[in-house]
Amino acid sequence: DMSKICKVVLKKYSAIVFYDRKKHAWMLRNNQGCVWKLHQAPIREQDAFVIFDEAHCRGSDMKLKSDAMAVLTLGTGMTKDKIMQAAGRMRKLKTQEIVVVAGQDVHDQIVI
C-alpha cells in the first residue's frame, strides 16, 4: 500500500518519488503531503527516496546520489532479466549499494 510506504519513508526522507498509474507520470510527494509531477517538483529525485515498481524499471533513468541504496525485492517467478533490470537502476554500483530481500517461499526456492 503506497500510503503506508510513504508514511514510513517520509519520516527519514524529505520526499518520495513514485510512478502514478492513474496519471501515467512520475510524481514527487514531500513530507508535508504536497504532490507534483516530477519535472515540476521543487525537490530533485536525487534528494528523495525513489520507488521503482516492476513495470517501470525498464527505461527509467533517475539521477540518484553516488551513495544511494536500493532494496531489491524478489518474488516467485521472477526472471533473471527482471532482476537485472531492477538492479540496473543503480548506475554507480561501485559506490551504491543493493540489499536483496525475499520471503521464505522465495528463499526456499533459491539453489546455491
Foldseek 3Di string as FASTA:
>chain_A
DVVVVCVVQQVPAQWEWEQDPVVRAIWIAGSVGDIDGQVPDPDAPQRHHYDADLVRLPPDAGDHDLAEEEEAEDDPPDDPVSSCSNVVSNPNVVRYYYHYDYDPVVVVVDDD
